[in-house]
Amino acid sequence: MSESISDFNILRDWQPGDTREVPEAVLQKARLEDRYDSYSQTYRLDSRLWKIQGQTSRSTGETVFTLVCVEECRFTR
């Protein structure tokens, strides 16, 4: 199964403080697509800025990250 950022475009009104889980592959793809700001350590997904809050390793060996919404993006690309 290929995972992409578009797989997570859920019609939801994300608000600051909301959390979501995403696989490590999605965050790696976001970095490659220049959707990661290393200065603020935020990812730009679904027109919101997200920070890593924690991570979990599953029995399958997959790493899943918990992201917390910190604010709405002021720009889009």
PDB file of N, CA and C in Angstrom:
ATOM      1  N   MET A   1       0.846  -1.186   0.000  1.00  0.00           N
ATOM      2  CA  MET A   1       0.000   0.000   0.000  1.00  0.00           C
ATOM      3  C   MET A   1       0.878   1.231   0.000  1.00  0.00           C
ATOM      4  N   SER A   2       0.704   2.096  -0.960  1.00  0.00           N
ATOM      5  CA  SER A   2       1.481   3.334  -0.968  1.00  0.00           C
ATOM      6  C   SER A   2       0.729   4.383  -0.158  1.00  0.00           C
ATOM      7  N   GLU A   3       1.485   5.123   0.601  1.00  0.00           N
ATOM      8  CA  GLU A   3       0.882   6.147   1.446  1.00  0.00           C
ATOM      9  C   GLU A   3       1.303   7.506   0.923  1.00  0.00           C
ATOM     10  N   SER A   4       0.389   8.418   0.880  1.00  0.00           N
ATOM     11  CA  SER A   4       0.708   9.767   0.460  1.00  0.00           C
ATOM     12  C   SER A   4      -0.017  10.742   1.365  1.00  0.00           C
ATOM     13  N   ILE A   5       0.413  11.948   1.304  1.00  0.00           N
ATOM     14  CA  ILE A   5      -0.214  12.977   2.121  1.00  0.00           C
ATOM     15  C   ILE A   5      -1.687  13.117   1.742  1.00  0.00           C
ATOM     16  N   SER A   6      -2.009  12.939   0.447  1.00  0.00           N
ATOM     17  CA  SER A   6      -3.403  13.075   0.023  1.00  0.00           C
ATOM     18  C   SER A   6      -4.289  11.999   0.639  1.00  0.00           C
ATOM     19  N   ASP A   7      -3.693  10.857   1.066  1.00  0.00           N
ATOM     20  CA  ASP A   7      -4.481   9.833   1.738  1.00  0.00           C
ATOM     21  C   ASP A   7      -5.063  10.344   3.050  1.00  0.00           C
ATOM     22  N   PHE A   8      -4.495  11.405   3.579  1.00  0.00           N
ATOM     23  CA  PHE A   8      -4.914  11.912   4.877  1.00  0.00           C
ATOM     24  C   PHE A   8      -5.697  13.216   4.778  1.00  0.00           C
ATOM     25  N   ASN A   9      -6.096  13.587   3.569  1.00  0.00           N
ATOM     26  CA  ASN A   9      -6.904  14.788   3.389  1.00  0.00           C
ATOM     27  C   ASN A   9      -8.346  14.469   3.762  1.00  0.00           C
ATOM     28  N   ILE A  10      -8.616  14.476   5.031  1.00  0.00           N
ATOM     29  CA  ILE A  10      -9.935  14.186   5.557  1.00  0.00           C
ATOM     30  C   ILE A  10     -10.676  15.501   5.690  1.00  0.00           C
ATOM     31  N   LEU A  11     -11.925  15.518   5.256  1.00  0.00           N
ATOM     32  CA  LEU A  11     -12.703  16.745   5.386  1.00  0.00           C
ATOM     33  C   LEU A  11     -13.038  16.945   6.857  1.00  0.00           C
ATOM     34  N   ARG A  12     -12.190  17.702   7.508  1.00  0.00           N
ATOM     35  CA  ARG A  12     -12.363  17.952   8.925  1.00  0.00           C
ATOM     36  C   ARG A  12     -11.863  19.351   9.216  1.00  0.00           C
ATOM     37  N   ASP A  13     -12.508  19.989  10.130  1.00  0.00           N
ATOM     38  CA  ASP A  13     -12.101  21.328  10.523  1.00  0.00           C
ATOM     39  C   ASP A  13     -11.135  21.204  11.698  1.00  0.00           C
ATOM     40  N   TRP A  14      -9.860  20.978  11.392  1.00  0.00           N
ATOM     41  CA  TRP A  14      -8.846  20.820  12.432  1.00  0.00           C
ATOM     42  C   TRP A  14      -8.668  22.129  13.193  1.00  0.00           C
ATOM     43  N   GLN A  15      -8.585  22.033  14.486  1.00  0.00           N
ATOM     44  CA  GLN A  15      -8.400  23.193  15.355  1.00  0.00           C
ATOM     45  C   GLN A  15      -7.118  23.015  16.163  1.00  0.00           C
ATOM     46  N   PRO A  16      -6.479  24.117  16.565  1.00  0.00           N
ATOM     47  CA  PRO A  16      -5.299  23.989  17.420  1.00  0.00           C
ATOM     48  C   PRO A  16      -5.623  23.139  18.651  1.00  0.00           C
ATOM     49  N   GLY A  17      -4.730  22.193  18.935  1.00  0.00           N
ATOM     50  CA  GLY A  17      -4.934  21.281  20.051  1.00  0.00           C
ATOM     51  C   GLY A  17      -5.427  19.910  19.617  1.00  0.00           C
ATOM     52  N   ASP A  18      -6.000  19.805  18.399  1.00  0.00           N
ATOM     53  CA  ASP A  18      -6.434  18.508  17.880  1.00  0.00           C
ATOM     54  C   ASP A  18      -5.214  17.635  17.615  1.00  0.00           C
ATOM     55  N   THR A  19      -5.370  16.323  17.755  1.00  0.00           N
ATOM     56  CA  THR A  19      -4.277  15.399  17.486  1.00  0.00           C
ATOM     57  C   THR A  19      -4.681  14.387  16.425  1.00  0.00           C
ATOM     58  N   ARG A  20      -3.680  13.812  15.789  1.00  0.00           N
ATOM     59  CA  ARG A  20      -3.893  12.768  14.790  1.00  0.00           C
ATOM     60  C   ARG A  20      -2.650  11.905  14.730  1.00  0.00           C
ATOM     61  N   GLU A  21      -2.800  10.682  14.261  1.00  0.00           N
ATOM     62  CA  GLU A  21      -1.673   9.779  14.104  1.00  0.00           C
ATOM     63  C   GLU A  21      -1.376   9.622  12.614  1.00  0.00           C
ATOM     64  N   VAL A  22      -0.089   9.680  12.270  1.00  0.00           N
ATOM     65  CA  VAL A  22       0.332   9.481  10.886  1.00  0.00           C
ATOM     66  C   VAL A  22       1.549   8.568  10.862  1.00  0.00           C
ATOM     67  N   PRO A  23       1.632   7.710   9.847  1.00  0.00           N
ATOM     68  CA  PRO A  23       2.794   6.835   9.713  1.00  0.00           C
ATOM     69  C   PRO A  23       4.054   7.638   9.380  1.00  0.00           C
ATOM     70  N   GLU A  24       5.184   7.091   9.741  1.00  0.00           N
ATOM     71  CA  GLU A  24       6.470   7.736   9.483  1.00  0.00           C
ATOM     72  C   GLU A  24       6.666   8.052   8.001  1.00  0.00           C
ATOM     73  N   ALA A  25       6.180   7.172   7.118  1.00  0.00           N
ATOM     74  CA  ALA A  25       6.338   7.380   5.678  1.00  0.00           C
ATOM     75  C   ALA A  25       5.683   8.676   5.207  1.00  0.00           C
ATOM     76  N   VAL A  26       4.573   9.057   5.829  1.00  0.00           N
ATOM     77  CA  VAL A  26       3.884  10.296   5.451  1.00  0.00           C
ATOM     78  C   VAL A  26       4.738  11.506   5.824  1.00  0.00           C
ATOM     79  N   LEU A  27       5.368  11.459   6.990  1.00  0.00           N
ATOM     80  CA  LEU A  27       6.223  12.580   7.401  1.00  0.00           C
ATOM     81  C   LEU A  27       7.477  12.658   6.539  1.00  0.00           C
ATOM     82  N   GLN A  28       8.023  11.517   6.158  1.00  0.00           N
ATOM     83  CA  GLN A  28       9.186  11.511   5.270  1.00  0.00           C
ATOM     84  C   GLN A  28       8.828  12.130   3.925  1.00  0.00           C
ATOM     85  N   LYS A  29       7.652  11.782   3.404  1.00  0.00           N
ATOM     86  CA  LYS A  29       7.207  12.357   2.140  1.00  0.00           C
ATOM     87  C   LYS A  29       6.986  13.871   2.275  1.00  0.00           C
ATOM     88  N   ALA A  30       6.445  14.306   3.393  1.00  0.00           N
ATOM     89  CA  ALA A  30       6.231  15.736   3.622  1.00  0.00           C
ATOM     90  C   ALA A  30       7.559  16.488   3.606  1.00  0.00           C
ATOM     91  N   ARG A  31       8.586  15.892   4.195  1.00  0.00           N
ATOM     92  CA  ARG A  31       9.911  16.525   4.165  1.00  0.00           C
ATOM     93  C   ARG A  31      10.415  16.659   2.737  1.00  0.00           C
ATOM     94  N   LEU A  32      10.248  15.607   1.942  1.00  0.00           N
ATOM     95  CA  LEU A  32      10.702  15.647   0.547  1.00  0.00           C
ATOM     96  C   LEU A  32       9.935  16.672  -0.274  1.00  0.00           C
ATOM     97  N   GLU A  33       8.688  16.913   0.086  1.00  0.00           N
ATOM     98  CA  GLU A  33       7.843  17.875  -0.634  1.00  0.00           C
ATOM     99  C   GLU A  33       7.957  19.278  -0.037  1.00  0.00           C
ATOM    100  N   ASP A  34       8.955  19.494   0.802  1.00  0.00           N
ATOM    101  CA  ASP A  34       9.209  20.801   1.417  1.00  0.00           C
ATOM    102  C   ASP A  34       8.019  21.289   2.245  1.00  0.00           C
ATOM    103  N   ARG A  35       7.406  20.362   2.967  1.00  0.00           N
ATOM    104  CA  ARG A  35       6.290  20.699   3.848  1.00  0.00           C
ATOM    105  C   ARG A  35       6.705  20.613   5.314  1.00  0.00           C
ATOM    106  N   TYR A  36       8.018  20.671   5.549  1.00  0.00           N
ATOM    107  CA  TYR A  36       8.549  20.636   6.914  1.00  0.00           C
ATOM    108  C   TYR A  36       9.413  21.860   7.120  1.00  0.00           C
ATOM    109  N   ASP A  37       9.185  22.570   8.206  1.00  0.00           N
ATOM    110  CA  ASP A  37       9.993  23.733   8.569  1.00  0.00           C
ATOM    111  C   ASP A  37      10.888  23.330   9.737  1.00  0.00           C
ATOM    112  N   SER A  38      12.180  23.199   9.468  1.00  0.00           N
ATOM    113  CA  SER A  38      13.100  22.732  10.503  1.00  0.00           C
ATOM    114  C   SER A  38      13.295  23.771  11.607  1.00  0.00           C
ATOM    115  N   TYR A  39      13.076  25.047  11.305  1.00  0.00           N
ATOM    116  CA  TYR A  39      13.232  26.072  12.335  1.00  0.00           C
ATOM    117  C   TYR A  39      12.126  25.966  13.383  1.00  0.00           C
ATOM    118  N   SER A  40      10.880  25.882  12.928  1.00  0.00           N
ATOM    119  CA  SER A  40       9.756  25.783  13.872  1.00  0.00           C
ATOM    120  C   SER A  40       9.391  24.334  14.181  1.00  0.00           C
ATOM    121  N   GLN A  41      10.010  23.394  13.456  1.00  0.00           N
ATOM    122  CA  GLN A  41       9.749  21.957  13.610  1.00  0.00           C
ATOM    123  C   GLN A  41       8.263  21.636  13.422  1.00  0.00           C
ATOM    124  N   THR A  42       7.695  22.200  12.363  1.00  0.00           N
ATOM    125  CA  THR A  42       6.289  21.965  12.048  1.00  0.00           C
ATOM    126  C   THR A  42       6.148  21.376  10.655  1.00  0.00           C
ATOM    127  N   TYR A  43       5.095  20.586  10.485  1.00  0.00           N
ATOM    128  CA  TYR A  43       4.721  20.021   9.196  1.00  0.00           C
ATOM    129  C   TYR A  43       3.480  20.731   8.710  1.00  0.00           C
ATOM    130  N   ARG A  44       3.394  21.005   7.413  1.00  0.00           N
ATOM    131  CA  ARG A  44       2.228  21.641   6.816  1.00  0.00           C
ATOM    132  C   ARG A  44       1.385  20.560   6.160  1.00  0.00           C
ATOM    133  N   LEU A  45       0.264  20.206   6.780  1.00  0.00           N
ATOM    134  CA  LEU A  45      -0.659  19.185   6.273  1.00  0.00           C
ATOM    135  C   LEU A  45      -2.085  19.703   6.417  1.00  0.00           C
ATOM    136  N   ASP A  46      -2.886  19.500   5.401  1.00  0.00           N
ATOM    137  CA  ASP A  46      -4.301  19.892   5.444  1.00  0.00           C
ATOM    138  C   ASP A  46      -4.503  21.349   5.835  1.00  0.00           C
ATOM    139  N   SER A  47      -3.671  22.233   5.308  1.00  0.00           N
ATOM    140  CA  SER A  47      -3.759  23.683   5.568  1.00  0.00           C
ATOM    141  C   SER A  47      -3.605  24.040   7.035  1.00  0.00           C
ATOM    142  N   ARG A  48      -2.915  23.196   7.768  1.00  0.00           N
ATOM    143  CA  ARG A  48      -2.634  23.448   9.184  1.00  0.00           C
ATOM    144  C   ARG A  48      -1.168  23.148   9.458  1.00  0.00           C
ATOM    145  N   LEU A  49      -0.656  23.697  10.542  1.00  0.00           N
ATOM    146  CA  LEU A  49       0.694  23.393  10.987  1.00  0.00           C
ATOM    147  C   LEU A  49       0.614  22.400  12.130  1.00  0.00           C
ATOM    148  N   TRP A  50       1.460  21.374  12.079  1.00  0.00           N
ATOM    149  CA  TRP A  50       1.443  20.281  13.043  1.00  0.00           C
ATOM    150  C   TRP A  50       2.827  20.072  13.621  1.00  0.00           C
ATOM    151  N   LYS A  51       2.888  19.757  14.913  1.00  0.00           N
ATOM    152  CA  LYS A  51       4.138  19.401  15.586  1.00  0.00           C
ATOM    153  C   LYS A  51       4.035  17.971  16.096  1.00  0.00           C
ATOM    154  N   ILE A  52       5.185  17.292  16.127  1.00  0.00           N
ATOM    155  CA  ILE A  52       5.216  15.944  16.674  1.00  0.00           C
ATOM    156  C   ILE A  52       5.051  16.023  18.182  1.00  0.00           C
ATOM    157  N   GLN A  53       4.100  15.261  18.696  1.00  0.00           N
ATOM    158  CA  GLN A  53       3.842  15.218  20.130  1.00  0.00           C
ATOM    159  C   GLN A  53       4.396  13.933  20.741  1.00  0.00           C
ATOM    160  N   GLY A  54       4.455  12.873  19.936  1.00  0.00           N
ATOM    161  CA  GLY A  54       4.959  11.599  20.433  1.00  0.00           C
ATOM    162  C   GLY A  54       5.045  10.595  19.309  1.00  0.00           C
ATOM    163  N   GLN A  55       5.569   9.424  19.632  1.00  0.00           N
ATOM    164  CA  GLN A  55       5.643   8.363  18.630  1.00  0.00           C
ATOM    165  C   GLN A  55       5.428   7.020  19.283  1.00  0.00           C
ATOM    166  N   THR A  56       4.923   6.090  18.486  1.00  0.00           N
ATOM    167  CA  THR A  56       4.635   4.743  18.950  1.00  0.00           C
ATOM    168  C   THR A  56       5.178   3.763  17.923  1.00  0.00           C
ATOM    169  N   SER A  57       5.796   2.701  18.404  1.00  0.00           N
ATOM    170  CA  SER A  57       6.241   1.627  17.513  1.00  0.00           C
ATOM    171  C   SER A  57       5.226   0.496  17.617  1.00  0.00           C
ATOM    172  N   ARG A  58       4.715   0.077  16.480  1.00  0.00           N
ATOM    173  CA  ARG A  58       3.738  -1.008  16.443  1.00  0.00           C
ATOM    174  C   ARG A  58       4.459  -2.352  16.351  1.00  0.00           C
ATOM    175  N   SER A  59       3.753  -3.414  16.626  1.00  0.00           N
ATOM    176  CA  SER A  59       4.335  -4.760  16.586  1.00  0.00           C
ATOM    177  C   SER A  59       4.805  -5.134  15.182  1.00  0.00           C
ATOM    178  N   THR A  60       4.290  -4.455  14.168  1.00  0.00           N
ATOM    179  CA  THR A  60       4.693  -4.701  12.783  1.00  0.00           C
ATOM    180  C   THR A  60       6.026  -4.042  12.445  1.00  0.00           C
ATOM    181  N   GLY A  61       6.535  -3.233  13.377  1.00  0.00           N
ATOM    182  CA  GLY A  61       7.772  -2.504  13.142  1.00  0.00           C
ATOM    183  C   GLY A  61       7.535  -1.099  12.619  1.00  0.00           C
ATOM    184  N   GLU A  62       6.282  -0.785  12.305  1.00  0.00           N
ATOM    185  CA  GLU A  62       5.935   0.543  11.795  1.00  0.00           C
ATOM    186  C   GLU A  62       5.969   1.558  12.937  1.00  0.00           C
ATOM    187  N   THR A  63       6.478   2.744  12.641  1.00  0.00           N
ATOM    188  CA  THR A  63       6.463   3.834  13.604  1.00  0.00           C
ATOM    189  C   THR A  63       5.350   4.796  13.223  1.00  0.00           C
ATOM    190  N   VAL A  64       4.523   5.131  14.192  1.00  0.00           N
ATOM    191  CA  VAL A  64       3.411   6.056  13.988  1.00  0.00           C
ATOM    192  C   VAL A  64       3.639   7.260  14.893  1.00  0.00           C
ATOM    193  N   PHE A  65       3.504   8.440  14.331  1.00  0.00           N
ATOM    194  CA  PHE A  65       3.712   9.671  15.078  1.00  0.00           C
ATOM    195  C   PHE A  65       2.379  10.317  15.429  1.00  0.00           C
ATOM    196  N   THR A  66       2.281  10.836  16.629  1.00  0.00           N
ATOM    197  CA  THR A  66       1.126  11.625  17.043  1.00  0.00           C
ATOM    198  C   THR A  66       1.477  13.082  16.812  1.00  0.00           C
ATOM    199  N   LEU A  67       0.657  13.748  16.021  1.00  0.00           N
ATOM    200  CA  LEU A  67       0.861  15.163  15.724  1.00  0.00           C
ATOM    201  C   LEU A  67      -0.212  15.973  16.424  1.00  0.00           C
ATOM    202  N   VAL A  68       0.152  17.173  16.824  1.00  0.00           N
ATOM    203  CA  VAL A  68      -0.811  18.099  17.418  1.00  0.00           C
ATOM    204  C   VAL A  68      -0.885  19.334  16.517  1.00  0.00           C
ATOM    205  N   CYS A  69      -2.107  19.763  16.238  1.00  0.00           N
ATOM    206  CA  CYS A  69      -2.318  20.950  15.411  1.00  0.00           C
ATOM    207  C   CYS A  69      -1.943  22.182  16.236  1.00  0.00           C
ATOM    208  N   VAL A  70      -1.077  23.015  15.650  1.00  0.00           N
ATOM    209  CA  VAL A  70      -0.663  24.202  16.392  1.00  0.00           C
ATOM    210  C   VAL A  70      -1.273  25.490  15.845  1.00  0.00           C
ATOM    211  N   GLU A  71      -1.576  25.524  14.545  1.00  0.00           N
ATOM    212  CA  GLU A  71      -2.253  26.694  13.984  1.00  0.00           C
ATOM    213  C   GLU A  71      -2.579  26.474  12.530  1.00  0.00           C
ATOM    214  N   GLU A  72      -3.400  27.353  11.990  1.00  0.00           N
ATOM    215  CA  GLU A  72      -3.744  27.328  10.576  1.00  0.00           C
ATOM    216  C   GLU A  72      -2.578  27.919   9.791  1.00  0.00           C
ATOM    217  N   CYS A  73      -2.324  27.383   8.609  1.00  0.00           N
ATOM    218  CA  CYS A  73      -1.241  27.912   7.775  1.00  0.00           C
ATOM    219  C   CYS A  73      -1.615  29.299   7.270  1.00  0.00           C
ATOM    220  N   ARG A  74      -0.633  30.168   7.275  1.00  0.00           N
ATOM    221  CA  ARG A  74      -0.859  31.523   6.769  1.00  0.00           C
ATOM    222  C   ARG A  74      -0.588  31.613   5.290  1.00  0.00           C
ATOM    223  N   PHE A  75      -0.058  30.548   4.726  1.00  0.00           N
ATOM    224  CA  PHE A  75       0.250  30.509   3.307  1.00  0.00           C
ATOM    225  C   PHE A  75       0.031  29.092   2.810  1.00  0.00           C
ATOM    226  N   THR A  76      -0.133  28.956   1.514  1.00  0.00           N
ATOM    227  CA  THR A  76      -0.247  27.628   0.914  1.00  0.00           C
ATOM    228  C   THR A  76       0.737  27.557  -0.238  1.00  0.00           C
ATOM    229  N   ARG A  77       1.117  26.364  -0.556  1.00  0.00           N
ATOM    230  CA  ARG A  77       2.054  26.181  -1.657  1.00  0.00           C
ATOM    231  C   ARG A  77       1.571  25.092  -2.549  1.00  0.00           C
TER     232      ARG A  77
END
